[in-house]
Amino acid sequence: MKPLKRALSIAAAVAALSLAPAIGWGTRVFPDQLSGTLTATPASDTIEVDHRIYHVKPGSLAAQELRGLYEGQRVEVVLDGPPAGKSSTVVKITLHPNE
């Protein structure tokens, strides 16, 4: 009987551990992001979305993506802090898929 109990407890532990990633998604913190229209041609270190200027983090994906953007495009911007924060910088820029 002991080997059966051991096998059942191992199977229960494996099942519980395989469900752990699904449990963790409930507490995941998502980055601050916003979407809008580029209202000015992006400079080398800033981007203006809906008439609000955001600084771009040097060396980030956003800094590389600035080259292909132009005024009037709809974008999604990911920030490393709250949108209203003074020290928040843009770390990623993505064009809307339907644009």
PDB file of N, CA and C in Angstrom:
ATOM      1  N   MET A   1       0.804  -1.198   0.000  1.00  0.00           N
ATOM      2  CA  MET A   1       0.000   0.000   0.000  1.00  0.00           C
ATOM      3  C   MET A   1       0.852   1.270   0.000  1.00  0.00           C
ATOM      4  N   LYS A   2       2.018   1.213   0.598  1.00  0.00           N
ATOM      5  CA  LYS A   2       2.876   2.391   0.644  1.00  0.00           C
ATOM      6  C   LYS A   2       3.326   2.850  -0.734  1.00  0.00           C
ATOM      7  N   PRO A   3       3.717   1.968  -1.650  1.00  0.00           N
ATOM      8  CA  PRO A   3       4.106   2.445  -2.983  1.00  0.00           C
ATOM      9  C   PRO A   3       2.960   3.151  -3.710  1.00  0.00           C
ATOM     10  N   LEU A   4       1.722   2.694  -3.486  1.00  0.00           N
ATOM     11  CA  LEU A   4       0.578   3.335  -4.120  1.00  0.00           C
ATOM     12  C   LEU A   4       0.370   4.749  -3.569  1.00  0.00           C
ATOM     13  N   LYS A   5       0.504   4.919  -2.279  1.00  0.00           N
ATOM     14  CA  LYS A   5       0.368   6.243  -1.669  1.00  0.00           C
ATOM     15  C   LYS A   5       1.467   7.179  -2.164  1.00  0.00           C
ATOM     16  N   ARG A   6       2.669   6.640  -2.264  1.00  0.00           N
ATOM     17  CA  ARG A   6       3.786   7.443  -2.741  1.00  0.00           C
ATOM     18  C   ARG A   6       3.545   7.888  -4.189  1.00  0.00           C
ATOM     19  N   ALA A   7       3.073   6.983  -5.031  1.00  0.00           N
ATOM     20  CA  ALA A   7       2.806   7.306  -6.431  1.00  0.00           C
ATOM     21  C   ALA A   7       1.693   8.348  -6.537  1.00  0.00           C
ATOM     22  N   LEU A   8       0.658   8.200  -5.722  1.00  0.00           N
ATOM     23  CA  LEU A   8      -0.433   9.176  -5.746  1.00  0.00           C
ATOM     24  C   LEU A   8       0.032  10.547  -5.265  1.00  0.00           C
ATOM     25  N   SER A   9       0.872  10.582  -4.238  1.00  0.00           N
ATOM     26  CA  SER A   9       1.345  11.880  -3.742  1.00  0.00           C
ATOM     27  C   SER A   9       2.287  12.533  -4.750  1.00  0.00           C
ATOM     28  N   ILE A  10       3.092  11.750  -5.445  1.00  0.00           N
ATOM     29  CA  ILE A  10       3.953  12.304  -6.492  1.00  0.00           C
ATOM     30  C   ILE A  10       3.113  12.843  -7.645  1.00  0.00           C
ATOM     31  N   ALA A  11       2.086  12.095  -8.040  1.00  0.00           N
ATOM     32  CA  ALA A  11       1.206  12.551  -9.119  1.00  0.00           C
ATOM     33  C   ALA A  11       0.475  13.830  -8.715  1.00  0.00           C
ATOM     34  N   ALA A  12       0.048  13.929  -7.467  1.00  0.00           N
ATOM     35  CA  ALA A  12      -0.625  15.133  -6.996  1.00  0.00           C
ATOM     36  C   ALA A  12       0.328  16.324  -6.991  1.00  0.00           C
ATOM     37  N   ALA A  13       1.566  16.092  -6.590  1.00  0.00           N
ATOM     38  CA  ALA A  13       2.554  17.176  -6.571  1.00  0.00           C
ATOM     39  C   ALA A  13       2.862  17.648  -7.989  1.00  0.00           C
ATOM     40  N   VAL A  14       2.991  16.717  -8.923  1.00  0.00           N
ATOM     41  CA  VAL A  14       3.253  17.086 -10.313  1.00  0.00           C
ATOM     42  C   VAL A  14       2.083  17.884 -10.884  1.00  0.00           C
ATOM     43  N   ALA A  15       0.862  17.458 -10.585  1.00  0.00           N
ATOM     44  CA  ALA A  15      -0.318  18.183 -11.068  1.00  0.00           C
ATOM     45  C   ALA A  15      -0.368  19.589 -10.477  1.00  0.00           C
ATOM     46  N   ALA A  16      -0.066  19.711  -9.199  1.00  0.00           N
ATOM     47  CA  ALA A  16      -0.090  21.033  -8.558  1.00  0.00           C
ATOM     48  C   ALA A  16       0.978  21.945  -9.143  1.00  0.00           C
ATOM     49  N   LEU A  17       2.164  21.422  -9.405  1.00  0.00           N
ATOM     50  CA  LEU A  17       3.237  22.236  -9.973  1.00  0.00           C
ATOM     51  C   LEU A  17       2.958  22.621 -11.421  1.00  0.00           C
ATOM     52  N   SER A  18       2.267  21.764 -12.145  1.00  0.00           N
ATOM     53  CA  SER A  18       1.956  22.108 -13.535  1.00  0.00           C
ATOM     54  C   SER A  18       0.881  23.185 -13.620  1.00  0.00           C
ATOM     55  N   LEU A  19       0.093  23.355 -12.576  1.00  0.00           N
ATOM     56  CA  LEU A  19      -0.917  24.410 -12.549  1.00  0.00           C
ATOM     57  C   LEU A  19      -0.359  25.729 -12.017  1.00  0.00           C
ATOM     58  N   ALA A  20       0.822  25.720 -11.458  1.00  0.00           N
ATOM     59  CA  ALA A  20       1.398  26.916 -10.840  1.00  0.00           C
ATOM     60  C   ALA A  20       1.516  28.102 -11.800  1.00  0.00           C
ATOM     61  N   PRO A  21       1.938  27.935 -13.059  1.00  0.00           N
ATOM     62  CA  PRO A  21       2.008  29.107 -13.945  1.00  0.00           C
ATOM     63  C   PRO A  21       0.653  29.785 -14.142  1.00  0.00           C
ATOM     64  N   ALA A  22      -0.414  29.010 -14.223  1.00  0.00           N
ATOM     65  CA  ALA A  22      -1.739  29.603 -14.390  1.00  0.00           C
ATOM     66  C   ALA A  22      -2.130  30.414 -13.160  1.00  0.00           C
ATOM     67  N   ILE A  23      -1.714  29.974 -12.008  1.00  0.00           N
ATOM     68  CA  ILE A  23      -2.011  30.703 -10.785  1.00  0.00           C
ATOM     69  C   ILE A  23      -1.247  32.021 -10.768  1.00  0.00           C
ATOM     70  N   GLY A  24      -0.021  32.022 -11.241  1.00  0.00           N
ATOM     71  CA  GLY A  24       0.801  33.220 -11.227  1.00  0.00           C
ATOM     72  C   GLY A  24       0.301  34.337 -12.127  1.00  0.00           C
ATOM     73  N   TRP A  25      -0.458  34.027 -13.172  1.00  0.00           N
ATOM     74  CA  TRP A  25      -0.949  35.064 -14.074  1.00  0.00           C
ATOM     75  C   TRP A  25      -1.909  36.019 -13.376  1.00  0.00           C
ATOM     76  N   GLY A  26      -2.538  35.582 -12.314  1.00  0.00           N
ATOM     77  CA  GLY A  26      -3.471  36.457 -11.603  1.00  0.00           C
ATOM     78  C   GLY A  26      -2.793  37.605 -10.892  1.00  0.00           C
ATOM     79  N   THR A  27      -1.524  37.476 -10.592  1.00  0.00           N
ATOM     80  CA  THR A  27      -0.803  38.515  -9.866  1.00  0.00           C
ATOM     81  C   THR A  27       0.231  39.218 -10.728  1.00  0.00           C
ATOM     82  N   ARG A  28       0.228  38.964 -12.011  1.00  0.00           N
ATOM     83  CA  ARG A  28       1.214  39.569 -12.909  1.00  0.00           C
ATOM     84  C   ARG A  28       0.939  41.057 -13.072  1.00  0.00           C
ATOM     85  N   VAL A  29       1.986  41.850 -13.038  1.00  0.00           N
ATOM     86  CA  VAL A  29       1.873  43.291 -13.239  1.00  0.00           C
ATOM     87  C   VAL A  29       2.147  43.590 -14.707  1.00  0.00           C
ATOM     88  N   PHE A  30       1.204  44.212 -15.369  1.00  0.00           N
ATOM     89  CA  PHE A  30       1.367  44.562 -16.776  1.00  0.00           C
ATOM     90  C   PHE A  30       1.996  45.941 -16.888  1.00  0.00           C
ATOM     91  N   PRO A  31       2.808  46.159 -17.912  1.00  0.00           N
ATOM     92  CA  PRO A  31       3.459  47.466 -18.052  1.00  0.00           C
ATOM     93  C   PRO A  31       2.447  48.545 -18.410  1.00  0.00           C
ATOM     94  N   ASP A  32       2.801  49.769 -18.088  1.00  0.00           N
ATOM     95  CA  ASP A  32       1.958  50.901 -18.443  1.00  0.00           C
ATOM     96  C   ASP A  32       2.074  51.145 -19.937  1.00  0.00           C
ATOM     97  N   GLN A  33       0.943  51.209 -20.600  1.00  0.00           N
ATOM     98  CA  GLN A  33       0.961  51.483 -22.029  1.00  0.00           C
ATOM     99  C   GLN A  33      -0.190  52.404 -22.390  1.00  0.00           C
ATOM    100  N   LEU A  34      -0.029  53.063 -23.504  1.00  0.00           N
ATOM    101  CA  LEU A  34      -1.067  53.938 -24.002  1.00  0.00           C
ATOM    102  C   LEU A  34      -1.057  53.866 -25.509  1.00  0.00           C
ATOM    103  N   SER A  35      -2.156  54.268 -26.116  1.00  0.00           N
ATOM    104  CA  SER A  35      -2.202  54.291 -27.568  1.00  0.00           C
ATOM    105  C   SER A  35      -2.727  55.645 -28.019  1.00  0.00           C
ATOM    106  N   GLY A  36      -2.327  56.036 -29.205  1.00  0.00           N
ATOM    107  CA  GLY A  36      -2.735  57.321 -29.732  1.00  0.00           C
ATOM    108  C   GLY A  36      -2.100  57.577 -31.083  1.00  0.00           C
ATOM    109  N   THR A  37      -2.211  58.806 -31.523  1.00  0.00           N
ATOM    110  CA  THR A  37      -1.693  59.218 -32.826  1.00  0.00           C
ATOM    111  C   THR A  37      -0.444  60.059 -32.640  1.00  0.00           C
ATOM    112  N   LEU A  38       0.566  59.802 -33.464  1.00  0.00           N
ATOM    113  CA  LEU A  38       1.766  60.634 -33.428  1.00  0.00           C
ATOM    114  C   LEU A  38       1.384  62.016 -33.936  1.00  0.00           C
ATOM    115  N   THR A  39       1.614  63.016 -33.111  1.00  0.00           N
ATOM    116  CA  THR A  39       1.218  64.379 -33.481  1.00  0.00           C
ATOM    117  C   THR A  39       2.410  65.239 -33.887  1.00  0.00           C
ATOM    118  N   ALA A  40       3.593  64.646 -33.907  1.00  0.00           N
ATOM    119  CA  ALA A  40       4.793  65.333 -34.399  1.00  0.00           C
ATOM    120  C   ALA A  40       5.772  64.273 -34.877  1.00  0.00           C
ATOM    121  N   THR A  41       6.608  64.646 -35.804  1.00  0.00           N
ATOM    122  CA  THR A  41       7.629  63.719 -36.280  1.00  0.00           C
ATOM    123  C   THR A  41       8.583  63.414 -35.134  1.00  0.00           C
ATOM    124  N   PRO A  42       8.817  62.118 -34.851  1.00  0.00           N
ATOM    125  CA  PRO A  42       9.678  61.769 -33.720  1.00  0.00           C
ATOM    126  C   PRO A  42      11.101  62.300 -33.873  1.00  0.00           C
ATOM    127  N   ALA A  43      11.651  62.806 -32.777  1.00  0.00           N
ATOM    128  CA  ALA A  43      13.058  63.242 -32.741  1.00  0.00           C
ATOM    129  C   ALA A  43      13.892  62.054 -32.278  1.00  0.00           C
ATOM    130  N   SER A  44      15.173  62.255 -32.064  1.00  0.00           N
ATOM    131  CA  SER A  44      16.057  61.153 -31.700  1.00  0.00           C
ATOM    132  C   SER A  44      15.816  60.635 -30.284  1.00  0.00           C
ATOM    133  N   ASP A  45      15.266  61.465 -29.400  1.00  0.00           N
ATOM    134  CA  ASP A  45      15.078  61.010 -28.020  1.00  0.00           C
ATOM    135  C   ASP A  45      13.703  61.318 -27.453  1.00  0.00           C
ATOM    136  N   THR A  46      12.775  61.814 -28.274  1.00  0.00           N
ATOM    137  CA  THR A  46      11.416  62.083 -27.804  1.00  0.00           C
ATOM    138  C   THR A  46      10.398  61.644 -28.840  1.00  0.00           C
ATOM    139  N   ILE A  47       9.185  61.393 -28.352  1.00  0.00           N
ATOM    140  CA  ILE A  47       8.065  61.065 -29.229  1.00  0.00           C
ATOM    141  C   ILE A  47       6.849  61.803 -28.687  1.00  0.00           C
ATOM    142  N   GLU A  48       6.037  62.334 -29.593  1.00  0.00           N
ATOM    143  CA  GLU A  48       4.839  63.055 -29.174  1.00  0.00           C
ATOM    144  C   GLU A  48       3.614  62.263 -29.601  1.00  0.00           C
ATOM    145  N   VAL A  49       2.843  61.806 -28.608  1.00  0.00           N
ATOM    146  CA  VAL A  49       1.629  61.046 -28.854  1.00  0.00           C
ATOM    147  C   VAL A  49       0.457  61.847 -28.299  1.00  0.00           C
ATOM    148  N   ASP A  50      -0.506  62.145 -29.158  1.00  0.00           N
ATOM    149  CA  ASP A  50      -1.682  62.945 -28.778  1.00  0.00           C
ATOM    150  C   ASP A  50      -1.287  64.223 -28.053  1.00  0.00           C
ATOM    151  N   HIS A  51      -0.328  64.947 -28.596  1.00  0.00           N
ATOM    152  CA  HIS A  51       0.146  66.253 -28.107  1.00  0.00           C
ATOM    153  C   HIS A  51       0.809  66.176 -26.729  1.00  0.00           C
ATOM    154  N   ARG A  52       1.293  65.015 -26.356  1.00  0.00           N
ATOM    155  CA  ARG A  52       2.033  64.863 -25.093  1.00  0.00           C
ATOM    156  C   ARG A  52       3.395  64.271 -25.431  1.00  0.00           C
ATOM    157  N   ILE A  53       4.454  64.885 -24.924  1.00  0.00           N
ATOM    158  CA  ILE A  53       5.822  64.476 -25.247  1.00  0.00           C
ATOM    159  C   ILE A  53       6.314  63.457 -24.218  1.00  0.00           C
ATOM    160  N   TYR A  54       6.904  62.375 -24.720  1.00  0.00           N
ATOM    161  CA  TYR A  54       7.498  61.329 -23.888  1.00  0.00           C
ATOM    162  C   TYR A  54       8.948  61.157 -24.299  1.00  0.00           C
ATOM    163  N   HIS A  55       9.822  60.948 -23.327  1.00  0.00           N
ATOM    164  CA  HIS A  55      11.231  60.690 -23.614  1.00  0.00           C
ATOM    165  C   HIS A  55      11.415  59.208 -23.907  1.00  0.00           C
ATOM    166  N   VAL A  56      12.293  58.918 -24.847  1.00  0.00           N
ATOM    167  CA  VAL A  56      12.573  57.544 -25.246  1.00  0.00           C
ATOM    168  C   VAL A  56      13.829  57.074 -24.527  1.00  0.00           C
ATOM    169  N   LYS A  57      13.765  55.877 -23.945  1.00  0.00           N
ATOM    170  CA  LYS A  57      14.908  55.326 -23.221  1.00  0.00           C
ATOM    171  C   LYS A  57      16.013  54.971 -24.216  1.00  0.00           C
ATOM    172  N   PRO A  58      17.222  55.521 -24.008  1.00  0.00           N
ATOM    173  CA  PRO A  58      18.331  55.221 -24.929  1.00  0.00           C
ATOM    174  C   PRO A  58      18.669  53.725 -24.939  1.00  0.00           C
ATOM    175  N   GLY A  59      18.890  53.185 -26.132  1.00  0.00           N
ATOM    176  CA  GLY A  59      19.266  51.784 -26.278  1.00  0.00           C
ATOM    177  C   GLY A  59      18.102  50.818 -26.207  1.00  0.00           C
ATOM    178  N   SER A  60      16.888  51.309 -26.057  1.00  0.00           N
ATOM    179  CA  SER A  60      15.721  50.424 -25.959  1.00  0.00           C
ATOM    180  C   SER A  60      15.193  50.095 -27.350  1.00  0.00           C
ATOM    181  N   LEU A  61      14.203  49.196 -27.395  1.00  0.00           N
ATOM    182  CA  LEU A  61      13.552  48.883 -28.667  1.00  0.00           C
ATOM    183  C   LEU A  61      12.894  50.125 -29.260  1.00  0.00           C
ATOM    184  N   ALA A  62      12.375  50.974 -28.395  1.00  0.00           N
ATOM    185  CA  ALA A  62      11.717  52.195 -28.868  1.00  0.00           C
ATOM    186  C   ALA A  62      12.696  53.095 -29.608  1.00  0.00           C
ATOM    187  N   ALA A  63      13.920  53.188 -29.126  1.00  0.00           N
ATOM    188  CA  ALA A  63      14.922  54.029 -29.786  1.00  0.00           C
ATOM    189  C   ALA A  63      15.215  53.519 -31.195  1.00  0.00           C
ATOM    190  N   GLN A  64      15.184  52.215 -31.382  1.00  0.00           N
ATOM    191  CA  GLN A  64      15.419  51.637 -32.702  1.00  0.00           C
ATOM    192  C   GLN A  64      14.213  51.818 -33.619  1.00  0.00           C
ATOM    193  N   GLU A  65      13.002  51.802 -33.028  1.00  0.00           N
ATOM    194  CA  GLU A  65      11.788  51.885 -33.827  1.00  0.00           C
ATOM    195  C   GLU A  65      11.439  53.309 -34.249  1.00  0.00           C
ATOM    196  N   LEU A  66      12.073  54.312 -33.667  1.00  0.00           N
ATOM    197  CA  LEU A  66      11.771  55.704 -33.990  1.00  0.00           C
ATOM    198  C   LEU A  66      12.027  56.040 -35.457  1.00  0.00           C
ATOM    199  N   ARG A  67      13.012  55.403 -36.063  1.00  0.00           N
ATOM    200  CA  ARG A  67      13.419  55.756 -37.427  1.00  0.00           C
ATOM    201  C   ARG A  67      12.309  55.576 -38.452  1.00  0.00           C
ATOM    202  N   GLY A  68      11.446  54.577 -38.258  1.00  0.00           N
ATOM    203  CA  GLY A  68      10.434  54.281 -39.267  1.00  0.00           C
ATOM    204  C   GLY A  68       9.079  54.915 -39.010  1.00  0.00           C
ATOM    205  N   LEU A  69       8.992  55.821 -38.071  1.00  0.00           N
ATOM    206  CA  LEU A  69       7.704  56.413 -37.720  1.00  0.00           C
ATOM    207  C   LEU A  69       7.556  57.808 -38.300  1.00  0.00           C
ATOM    208  N   TYR A  70       6.314  58.199 -38.544  1.00  0.00           N
ATOM    209  CA  TYR A  70       6.049  59.554 -39.028  1.00  0.00           C
ATOM    210  C   TYR A  70       4.716  60.049 -38.475  1.00  0.00           C
ATOM    211  N   GLU A  71       4.509  61.323 -38.562  1.00  0.00           N
ATOM    212  CA  GLU A  71       3.326  61.977 -38.015  1.00  0.00           C
ATOM    213  C   GLU A  71       2.042  61.405 -38.612  1.00  0.00           C
ATOM    214  N   GLY A  72       1.032  61.199 -37.757  1.00  0.00           N
ATOM    215  CA  GLY A  72      -0.265  60.709 -38.202  1.00  0.00           C
ATOM    216  C   GLY A  72      -0.471  59.221 -38.005  1.00  0.00           C
ATOM    217  N   GLN A  73       0.583  58.471 -37.717  1.00  0.00           N
ATOM    218  CA  GLN A  73       0.439  57.039 -37.499  1.00  0.00           C
ATOM    219  C   GLN A  73      -0.157  56.777 -36.118  1.00  0.00           C
ATOM    220  N   ARG A  74      -0.955  55.687 -36.021  1.00  0.00           N
ATOM    221  CA  ARG A  74      -1.498  55.258 -34.732  1.00  0.00           C
ATOM    222  C   ARG A  74      -0.518  54.264 -34.117  1.00  0.00           C
ATOM    223  N   VAL A  75      -0.134  54.506 -32.873  1.00  0.00           N
ATOM    224  CA  VAL A  75       0.867  53.671 -32.211  1.00  0.00           C
ATOM    225  C   VAL A  75       0.401  53.284 -30.811  1.00  0.00           C
ATOM    226  N   GLU A  76       1.026  52.230 -30.298  1.00  0.00           N
ATOM    227  CA  GLU A  76       0.919  51.858 -28.900  1.00  0.00           C
ATOM    228  C   GLU A  76       2.297  52.036 -28.297  1.00  0.00           C
ATOM    229  N   VAL A  77       2.355  52.676 -27.152  1.00  0.00           N
ATOM    230  CA  VAL A  77       3.614  53.008 -26.498  1.00  0.00           C
ATOM    231  C   VAL A  77       3.640  52.322 -25.135  1.00  0.00           C
ATOM    232  N   VAL A  78       4.730  51.616 -24.837  1.00  0.00           N
ATOM    233  CA  VAL A  78       4.906  50.982 -23.534  1.00  0.00           C
ATOM    234  C   VAL A  78       5.904  51.812 -22.739  1.00  0.00           C
ATOM    235  N   LEU A  79       5.518  52.169 -21.528  1.00  0.00           N
ATOM    236  CA  LEU A  79       6.350  53.001 -20.657  1.00  0.00           C
ATOM    237  C   LEU A  79       6.907  52.175 -19.511  1.00  0.00           C
ATOM    238  N   ASP A  80       8.002  52.647 -18.937  1.00  0.00           N
ATOM    239  CA  ASP A  80       8.579  51.951 -17.779  1.00  0.00           C
ATOM    240  C   ASP A  80       8.059  52.517 -16.461  1.00  0.00           C
ATOM    241  N   GLY A  81       7.029  53.314 -16.521  1.00  0.00           N
ATOM    242  CA  GLY A  81       6.413  53.888 -15.336  1.00  0.00           C
ATOM    243  C   GLY A  81       5.036  54.410 -15.685  1.00  0.00           C
ATOM    244  N   PRO A  82       4.364  55.065 -14.758  1.00  0.00           N
ATOM    245  CA  PRO A  82       3.034  55.587 -15.053  1.00  0.00           C
ATOM    246  C   PRO A  82       3.076  56.688 -16.104  1.00  0.00           C
ATOM    247  N   PRO A  83       2.050  56.784 -16.950  1.00  0.00           N
ATOM    248  CA  PRO A  83       2.046  57.790 -18.012  1.00  0.00           C
ATOM    249  C   PRO A  83       2.190  59.222 -17.504  1.00  0.00           C
ATOM    250  N   ALA A  84       1.693  59.498 -16.324  1.00  0.00           N
ATOM    251  CA  ALA A  84       1.777  60.859 -15.791  1.00  0.00           C
ATOM    252  C   ALA A  84       3.095  61.118 -15.063  1.00  0.00           C
ATOM    253  N   GLY A  85       3.913  60.080 -14.897  1.00  0.00           N
ATOM    254  CA  GLY A  85       5.176  60.239 -14.172  1.00  0.00           C
ATOM    255  C   GLY A  85       6.186  61.070 -14.934  1.00  0.00           C
ATOM    256  N   LYS A  86       6.910  61.909 -14.225  1.00  0.00           N
ATOM    257  CA  LYS A  86       7.916  62.776 -14.861  1.00  0.00           C
ATOM    258  C   LYS A  86       9.125  61.989 -15.354  1.00  0.00           C
ATOM    259  N   SER A  87       9.448  60.878 -14.680  1.00  0.00           N
ATOM    260  CA  SER A  87      10.644  60.122 -15.052  1.00  0.00           C
ATOM    261  C   SER A  87      10.332  58.921 -15.945  1.00  0.00           C
ATOM    262  N   SER A  88       9.082  58.726 -16.336  1.00  0.00           N
ATOM    263  CA  SER A  88       8.719  57.600 -17.196  1.00  0.00           C
ATOM    264  C   SER A  88       9.305  57.784 -18.588  1.00  0.00           C
ATOM    265  N   THR A  89       9.854  56.707 -19.119  1.00  0.00           N
ATOM    266  CA  THR A  89      10.406  56.740 -20.473  1.00  0.00           C
ATOM    267  C   THR A  89       9.762  55.658 -21.325  1.00  0.00           C
ATOM    268  N   VAL A  90       9.771  55.867 -22.624  1.00  0.00           N
ATOM    269  CA  VAL A  90       9.203  54.911 -23.567  1.00  0.00           C
ATOM    270  C   VAL A  90      10.227  53.809 -23.809  1.00  0.00           C
ATOM    271  N   VAL A  91       9.790  52.544 -23.686  1.00  0.00           N
ATOM    272  CA  VAL A  91      10.696  51.419 -23.912  1.00  0.00           C
ATOM    273  C   VAL A  91      10.319  50.612 -25.151  1.00  0.00           C
ATOM    274  N   LYS A  92       9.083  50.789 -25.646  1.00  0.00           N
ATOM    275  CA  LYS A  92       8.674  50.058 -26.847  1.00  0.00           C
ATOM    276  C   LYS A  92       7.575  50.833 -27.564  1.00  0.00           C
ATOM    277  N   ILE A  93       7.634  50.829 -28.882  1.00  0.00           N
ATOM    278  CA  ILE A  93       6.623  51.477 -29.714  1.00  0.00           C
ATOM    279  C   ILE A  93       6.157  50.457 -30.743  1.00  0.00           C
ATOM    280  N   THR A  94       4.835  50.325 -30.885  1.00  0.00           N
ATOM    281  CA  THR A  94       4.274  49.382 -31.844  1.00  0.00           C
ATOM    282  C   THR A  94       3.213  50.087 -32.682  1.00  0.00           C
ATOM    283  N   LEU A  95       3.269  49.904 -33.992  1.00  0.00           N
ATOM    284  CA  LEU A  95       2.227  50.438 -34.869  1.00  0.00           C
ATOM    285  C   LEU A  95       0.958  49.616 -34.683  1.00  0.00           C
ATOM    286  N   HIS A  96      -0.202  50.268 -34.783  1.00  0.00           N
ATOM    287  CA  HIS A  96      -1.464  49.526 -34.751  1.00  0.00           C
ATOM    288  C   HIS A  96      -1.506  48.611 -35.959  1.00  0.00           C
ATOM    289  N   PRO A  97      -1.989  47.396 -35.798  1.00  0.00           N
ATOM    290  CA  PRO A  97      -1.973  46.432 -36.906  1.00  0.00           C
ATOM    291  C   PRO A  97      -2.792  46.870 -38.123  1.00  0.00           C
ATOM    292  N   ASN A  98      -3.832  47.662 -37.929  1.00  0.00           N
ATOM    293  CA  ASN A  98      -4.654  48.067 -39.068  1.00  0.00           C
ATOM    294  C   ASN A  98      -4.152  49.327 -39.735  1.00  0.00           C
ATOM    295  N   GLU A  99      -2.984  49.793 -39.378  1.00  0.00           N
ATOM    296  CA  GLU A  99      -2.427  51.022 -39.959  1.00  0.00           C
ATOM    297  C   GLU A  99      -1.382  50.669 -40.988  1.00  0.00           C
TER     298      GLU A  99
END
